[in-house]
N, C-alpha and C. Protein backbone atom coordinates (compact mmCIF):
# COMPACT_ATOMS: atom_id res chain seq x y z
N UNK A 1 -24.70 -16.44 21.30
CA UNK A 1 -24.34 -16.68 19.91
C UNK A 1 -22.86 -17.04 19.83
N UNK A 2 -22.54 -18.03 19.03
CA UNK A 2 -21.15 -18.42 18.83
C UNK A 2 -20.41 -17.37 18.03
N UNK A 3 -19.10 -17.36 18.20
CA UNK A 3 -18.28 -16.46 17.42
C UNK A 3 -17.76 -17.18 16.18
N UNK A 4 -17.59 -16.44 15.11
CA UNK A 4 -16.96 -16.92 13.89
C UNK A 4 -15.99 -15.81 13.51
N UNK A 5 -14.75 -15.94 13.95
CA UNK A 5 -13.79 -14.85 13.82
C UNK A 5 -13.15 -14.86 12.44
N UNK A 6 -13.33 -13.76 11.73
CA UNK A 6 -12.75 -13.58 10.41
C UNK A 6 -11.23 -13.42 10.52
N UNK A 7 -10.55 -13.47 9.39
CA UNK A 7 -9.10 -13.28 9.38
C UNK A 7 -8.71 -12.01 10.12
N UNK A 8 -9.46 -10.93 9.91
CA UNK A 8 -9.13 -9.61 10.45
C UNK A 8 -9.57 -9.42 11.89
N UNK A 9 -10.39 -10.32 12.41
CA UNK A 9 -10.86 -10.18 13.78
C UNK A 9 -12.32 -9.77 13.90
N UNK A 10 -12.97 -9.45 12.79
CA UNK A 10 -14.41 -9.20 12.86
C UNK A 10 -15.11 -10.50 13.24
N UNK A 11 -16.26 -10.38 13.88
CA UNK A 11 -17.04 -11.55 14.26
C UNK A 11 -18.16 -11.73 13.24
N UNK A 12 -17.96 -12.65 12.30
CA UNK A 12 -18.94 -12.87 11.25
C UNK A 12 -20.32 -13.21 11.81
N UNK A 13 -20.34 -13.91 12.94
CA UNK A 13 -21.61 -14.32 13.53
C UNK A 13 -22.46 -13.13 13.97
N UNK A 14 -21.86 -11.95 14.06
CA UNK A 14 -22.61 -10.74 14.41
C UNK A 14 -22.90 -9.85 13.20
N UNK A 15 -22.42 -10.26 12.04
CA UNK A 15 -22.60 -9.47 10.82
C UNK A 15 -24.00 -9.68 10.26
N UNK A 16 -24.69 -8.59 9.98
CA UNK A 16 -26.06 -8.68 9.47
C UNK A 16 -26.14 -9.45 8.16
N UNK A 17 -25.14 -9.30 7.30
CA UNK A 17 -25.15 -10.03 6.02
C UNK A 17 -25.00 -11.53 6.27
N UNK A 18 -24.08 -11.90 7.14
CA UNK A 18 -23.88 -13.31 7.47
C UNK A 18 -25.14 -13.91 8.08
N UNK A 19 -25.73 -13.20 9.03
CA UNK A 19 -26.94 -13.68 9.71
C UNK A 19 -28.07 -13.87 8.70
N UNK A 20 -28.26 -12.90 7.82
CA UNK A 20 -29.32 -12.98 6.82
C UNK A 20 -29.07 -14.13 5.85
N UNK A 21 -27.81 -14.32 5.46
CA UNK A 21 -27.48 -15.42 4.55
C UNK A 21 -27.77 -16.76 5.18
N UNK A 22 -27.34 -16.94 6.42
CA UNK A 22 -27.54 -18.22 7.10
C UNK A 22 -29.02 -18.51 7.33
N UNK A 23 -29.82 -17.46 7.48
CA UNK A 23 -31.27 -17.62 7.67
C UNK A 23 -32.01 -17.71 6.33
N UNK A 24 -31.25 -17.56 5.22
CA UNK A 24 -31.85 -17.54 3.89
C UNK A 24 -32.96 -16.49 3.80
N UNK A 25 -32.69 -15.31 4.37
CA UNK A 25 -33.67 -14.24 4.48
C UNK A 25 -33.34 -13.13 3.48
N UNK A 26 -33.96 -13.21 2.31
CA UNK A 26 -33.69 -12.24 1.24
C UNK A 26 -34.10 -10.82 1.63
N UNK A 27 -35.17 -10.68 2.40
CA UNK A 27 -35.60 -9.34 2.82
C UNK A 27 -34.57 -8.72 3.76
N UNK A 28 -34.02 -9.51 4.65
CA UNK A 28 -32.99 -9.00 5.56
C UNK A 28 -31.74 -8.60 4.77
N UNK A 29 -31.37 -9.41 3.77
CA UNK A 29 -30.22 -9.04 2.94
C UNK A 29 -30.48 -7.73 2.20
N UNK A 30 -31.71 -7.54 1.74
CA UNK A 30 -32.06 -6.29 1.06
C UNK A 30 -31.91 -5.11 2.02
N UNK A 31 -32.30 -5.27 3.26
CA UNK A 31 -32.14 -4.20 4.25
C UNK A 31 -30.66 -3.91 4.50
N UNK A 32 -29.85 -4.95 4.54
CA UNK A 32 -28.40 -4.78 4.71
C UNK A 32 -27.84 -3.96 3.54
N UNK A 33 -28.23 -4.33 2.33
CA UNK A 33 -27.73 -3.63 1.15
C UNK A 33 -28.16 -2.17 1.17
N UNK A 34 -29.39 -1.91 1.51
CA UNK A 34 -29.86 -0.52 1.57
C UNK A 34 -29.06 0.28 2.58
N UNK A 35 -28.75 -0.32 3.72
CA UNK A 35 -27.94 0.34 4.75
C UNK A 35 -26.52 0.58 4.24
N UNK A 36 -25.91 -0.44 3.65
CA UNK A 36 -24.53 -0.33 3.17
C UNK A 36 -24.39 0.65 2.01
N UNK A 37 -25.41 0.74 1.17
CA UNK A 37 -25.35 1.70 0.06
C UNK A 37 -25.14 3.11 0.59
N UNK A 38 -25.79 3.42 1.70
CA UNK A 38 -25.65 4.74 2.32
C UNK A 38 -24.35 4.82 3.11
N UNK A 39 -24.11 3.85 4.00
CA UNK A 39 -22.93 3.87 4.87
C UNK A 39 -21.63 3.95 4.09
N UNK A 40 -21.55 3.19 3.01
CA UNK A 40 -20.30 3.09 2.26
C UNK A 40 -20.33 3.87 0.95
N UNK A 41 -21.40 4.67 0.76
CA UNK A 41 -21.55 5.46 -0.45
C UNK A 41 -21.32 4.59 -1.69
N UNK A 42 -22.02 3.46 -1.72
CA UNK A 42 -21.87 2.48 -2.79
C UNK A 42 -23.25 2.12 -3.35
N UNK A 43 -23.79 2.97 -4.21
CA UNK A 43 -25.15 2.76 -4.69
C UNK A 43 -25.33 1.52 -5.57
N UNK A 44 -24.25 0.94 -6.06
CA UNK A 44 -24.36 -0.19 -6.98
C UNK A 44 -24.30 -1.56 -6.30
N UNK A 45 -24.33 -1.60 -4.98
CA UNK A 45 -24.29 -2.89 -4.29
C UNK A 45 -25.54 -3.70 -4.62
N UNK A 46 -25.36 -5.02 -4.71
CA UNK A 46 -26.47 -5.91 -5.02
C UNK A 46 -26.64 -6.93 -3.89
N UNK A 47 -27.67 -7.75 -3.99
CA UNK A 47 -27.89 -8.78 -2.98
C UNK A 47 -26.69 -9.71 -2.85
N UNK A 48 -25.99 -9.95 -3.93
CA UNK A 48 -24.81 -10.81 -3.88
C UNK A 48 -23.77 -10.26 -2.91
N UNK A 49 -23.70 -8.94 -2.78
CA UNK A 49 -22.74 -8.32 -1.88
C UNK A 49 -23.08 -8.56 -0.41
N UNK A 50 -24.30 -8.95 -0.13
CA UNK A 50 -24.71 -9.24 1.25
C UNK A 50 -24.97 -10.73 1.44
N UNK A 51 -24.40 -11.54 0.57
CA UNK A 51 -24.54 -12.99 0.66
C UNK A 51 -23.19 -13.55 1.07
N UNK A 52 -23.09 -14.03 2.31
CA UNK A 52 -21.77 -14.42 2.82
C UNK A 52 -21.88 -15.56 3.83
N UNK A 53 -20.99 -16.53 3.66
CA UNK A 53 -20.87 -17.66 4.58
C UNK A 53 -19.68 -17.50 5.51
N UNK A 54 -19.05 -16.34 5.49
CA UNK A 54 -17.87 -16.09 6.31
C UNK A 54 -16.61 -16.12 5.47
N UNK A 55 -15.74 -15.17 5.69
CA UNK A 55 -14.57 -15.03 4.81
C UNK A 55 -13.51 -16.10 5.02
N UNK A 56 -13.54 -16.79 6.14
CA UNK A 56 -12.49 -17.78 6.37
C UNK A 56 -12.70 -19.06 5.57
N UNK A 57 -13.88 -19.23 5.00
CA UNK A 57 -14.09 -20.37 4.11
C UNK A 57 -13.43 -20.06 2.78
N UNK A 58 -12.60 -20.97 2.30
CA UNK A 58 -11.91 -20.73 1.03
C UNK A 58 -12.92 -20.73 -0.10
N UNK A 59 -13.83 -21.69 -0.10
CA UNK A 59 -14.89 -21.69 -1.10
C UNK A 59 -16.20 -21.38 -0.40
N UNK A 60 -17.19 -21.07 -1.17
CA UNK A 60 -18.47 -20.71 -0.57
C UNK A 60 -18.86 -19.31 -0.98
N UNK A 61 -19.92 -18.83 -0.41
CA UNK A 61 -20.43 -17.50 -0.76
C UNK A 61 -19.73 -16.46 0.11
N UNK A 62 -19.22 -15.44 -0.54
CA UNK A 62 -18.50 -14.37 0.16
C UNK A 62 -19.11 -13.02 -0.18
N UNK A 63 -19.21 -12.16 0.81
CA UNK A 63 -19.74 -10.81 0.61
C UNK A 63 -18.90 -10.01 -0.36
N UNK A 64 -19.42 -8.87 -0.74
CA UNK A 64 -18.82 -8.05 -1.78
C UNK A 64 -17.36 -7.70 -1.62
N UNK A 65 -16.91 -7.37 -0.42
CA UNK A 65 -15.53 -6.92 -0.24
C UNK A 65 -14.54 -8.08 -0.10
N UNK A 66 -15.01 -9.26 0.19
CA UNK A 66 -14.11 -10.40 0.44
C UNK A 66 -13.11 -10.61 -0.71
N UNK A 67 -13.57 -10.47 -1.93
CA UNK A 67 -12.69 -10.68 -3.08
C UNK A 67 -11.60 -9.65 -3.21
N UNK A 68 -11.77 -8.50 -2.58
CA UNK A 68 -10.78 -7.42 -2.65
C UNK A 68 -9.96 -7.27 -1.38
N UNK A 69 -10.35 -7.93 -0.33
CA UNK A 69 -9.76 -7.70 0.98
C UNK A 69 -8.32 -8.23 1.06
N UNK A 70 -7.35 -7.35 1.27
CA UNK A 70 -5.95 -7.80 1.34
C UNK A 70 -5.67 -8.65 2.58
N UNK A 71 -6.39 -8.42 3.66
CA UNK A 71 -6.19 -9.22 4.87
C UNK A 71 -6.68 -10.65 4.62
N UNK A 72 -7.83 -10.79 3.99
CA UNK A 72 -8.35 -12.13 3.68
C UNK A 72 -7.41 -12.84 2.72
N UNK A 73 -6.96 -12.16 1.67
CA UNK A 73 -6.06 -12.78 0.70
C UNK A 73 -4.79 -13.29 1.38
N UNK A 74 -4.26 -12.50 2.28
CA UNK A 74 -3.05 -12.88 3.01
C UNK A 74 -3.32 -14.09 3.90
N UNK A 75 -4.43 -14.08 4.62
CA UNK A 75 -4.78 -15.19 5.49
C UNK A 75 -4.98 -16.49 4.72
N UNK A 76 -5.65 -16.39 3.58
CA UNK A 76 -5.84 -17.58 2.73
C UNK A 76 -4.49 -18.09 2.25
N UNK A 77 -3.61 -17.18 1.81
CA UNK A 77 -2.30 -17.61 1.29
C UNK A 77 -1.43 -18.22 2.38
N UNK A 78 -1.63 -17.81 3.63
CA UNK A 78 -0.86 -18.38 4.74
C UNK A 78 -1.54 -19.63 5.34
N UNK A 79 -2.73 -19.95 4.82
CA UNK A 79 -3.46 -21.14 5.26
C UNK A 79 -3.65 -21.18 6.78
N UNK A 80 -4.14 -20.05 7.33
CA UNK A 80 -4.39 -19.96 8.77
C UNK A 80 -5.89 -19.83 9.02
N UNK A 81 -6.33 -20.23 10.21
CA UNK A 81 -7.74 -20.13 10.57
C UNK A 81 -8.18 -18.67 10.62
N UNK A 82 -7.35 -17.82 11.16
CA UNK A 82 -7.48 -16.36 11.12
C UNK A 82 -6.11 -15.79 11.45
N UNK A 83 -5.97 -14.49 11.41
CA UNK A 83 -4.65 -13.88 11.54
C UNK A 83 -3.99 -14.10 12.90
N UNK A 84 -4.76 -14.42 13.92
CA UNK A 84 -4.18 -14.71 15.23
C UNK A 84 -3.25 -15.91 15.16
N UNK A 85 -3.46 -16.77 14.20
CA UNK A 85 -2.66 -17.99 14.04
C UNK A 85 -1.40 -17.76 13.21
N UNK A 86 -1.20 -16.57 12.70
CA UNK A 86 -0.07 -16.28 11.81
C UNK A 86 1.17 -15.89 12.60
N UNK A 87 2.32 -16.40 12.17
CA UNK A 87 3.59 -16.07 12.83
C UNK A 87 3.91 -14.58 12.71
N UNK A 88 3.38 -13.91 11.69
CA UNK A 88 3.66 -12.48 11.46
C UNK A 88 2.62 -11.57 12.11
N UNK A 89 1.76 -12.10 12.94
CA UNK A 89 0.64 -11.35 13.51
C UNK A 89 1.06 -10.01 14.12
N UNK A 90 2.05 -10.01 14.98
CA UNK A 90 2.43 -8.78 15.69
C UNK A 90 3.15 -7.77 14.81
N UNK A 91 3.61 -8.17 13.64
CA UNK A 91 4.35 -7.27 12.76
C UNK A 91 3.57 -6.92 11.49
N UNK A 92 2.30 -7.24 11.44
CA UNK A 92 1.52 -7.09 10.21
C UNK A 92 1.01 -5.66 10.02
N UNK A 93 1.48 -5.02 8.95
CA UNK A 93 1.04 -3.65 8.64
C UNK A 93 -0.43 -3.61 8.23
N UNK A 94 -0.88 -4.63 7.50
CA UNK A 94 -2.28 -4.66 7.07
C UNK A 94 -3.21 -4.64 8.29
N UNK A 95 -2.88 -5.48 9.26
CA UNK A 95 -3.71 -5.52 10.47
C UNK A 95 -3.58 -4.24 11.29
N UNK A 96 -2.39 -3.70 11.39
CA UNK A 96 -2.19 -2.48 12.18
C UNK A 96 -3.08 -1.36 11.67
N UNK A 97 -3.15 -1.20 10.35
CA UNK A 97 -4.01 -0.17 9.76
C UNK A 97 -5.48 -0.45 10.05
N UNK A 98 -5.88 -1.72 9.93
CA UNK A 98 -7.27 -2.09 10.17
C UNK A 98 -7.65 -1.89 11.64
N UNK A 99 -6.74 -2.24 12.53
CA UNK A 99 -7.02 -2.11 13.97
C UNK A 99 -7.25 -0.66 14.37
N UNK A 100 -6.67 0.29 13.64
CA UNK A 100 -6.92 1.71 13.92
C UNK A 100 -8.39 2.04 13.68
N UNK A 101 -8.99 1.37 12.69
CA UNK A 101 -10.39 1.60 12.36
C UNK A 101 -11.34 0.78 13.23
N UNK A 102 -10.90 -0.44 13.59
CA UNK A 102 -11.76 -1.37 14.33
C UNK A 102 -10.96 -1.98 15.48
N UNK A 103 -10.77 -1.24 16.56
CA UNK A 103 -9.95 -1.75 17.67
C UNK A 103 -10.49 -3.04 18.29
N UNK A 104 -11.80 -3.25 18.26
CA UNK A 104 -12.37 -4.48 18.81
C UNK A 104 -11.87 -5.72 18.07
N UNK A 105 -11.52 -5.56 16.81
CA UNK A 105 -11.00 -6.69 16.04
C UNK A 105 -9.68 -7.18 16.64
N UNK A 106 -8.85 -6.25 17.05
CA UNK A 106 -7.58 -6.63 17.69
C UNK A 106 -7.85 -7.37 19.01
N UNK A 107 -8.80 -6.89 19.77
CA UNK A 107 -9.14 -7.53 21.04
C UNK A 107 -9.52 -8.98 20.80
N UNK A 108 -10.37 -9.22 19.80
CA UNK A 108 -10.80 -10.59 19.50
C UNK A 108 -9.62 -11.46 19.08
N UNK A 109 -8.78 -10.93 18.17
CA UNK A 109 -7.64 -11.74 17.71
C UNK A 109 -6.63 -11.97 18.83
N UNK A 110 -6.43 -10.97 19.68
CA UNK A 110 -5.53 -11.16 20.83
C UNK A 110 -6.07 -12.26 21.75
N UNK A 111 -7.39 -12.30 21.92
CA UNK A 111 -8.00 -13.35 22.75
C UNK A 111 -7.76 -14.73 22.13
N UNK A 112 -7.94 -14.82 20.83
CA UNK A 112 -7.68 -16.09 20.14
C UNK A 112 -6.22 -16.48 20.30
N UNK A 113 -5.34 -15.52 20.06
CA UNK A 113 -3.90 -15.79 20.12
C UNK A 113 -3.48 -16.25 21.52
N UNK A 114 -4.12 -15.72 22.54
CA UNK A 114 -3.75 -16.09 23.92
C UNK A 114 -4.09 -17.55 24.24
N UNK A 115 -4.93 -18.16 23.43
CA UNK A 115 -5.30 -19.56 23.66
C UNK A 115 -4.47 -20.54 22.84
N UNK A 116 -3.59 -20.03 22.00
CA UNK A 116 -2.80 -20.91 21.12
C UNK A 116 -1.58 -21.46 21.84
């Protein structure tokens, strides 16, 4: 499977919501929502929250958190493919906090950065 690296370093191509959206599979999106309602203690999530074409697209369908994500907002404002392409990458507090939660995201972005 190809990678689609989000601004933060998550791999959208491995995200259940992204996969279900690209397959136009409403039942799979419903399963994602049911899982996320429990995982994130968010009982009000809807199918729209699991409809996503990847956060790096400026326009298009974005999952529920994309509109609130400070890392995505920063990446869009800097007009970069993802945060690995940003001059402030190594000094970014937003990413540092996120990497504590998802260390694999840093690994992916470091890999991208090493090819630039």
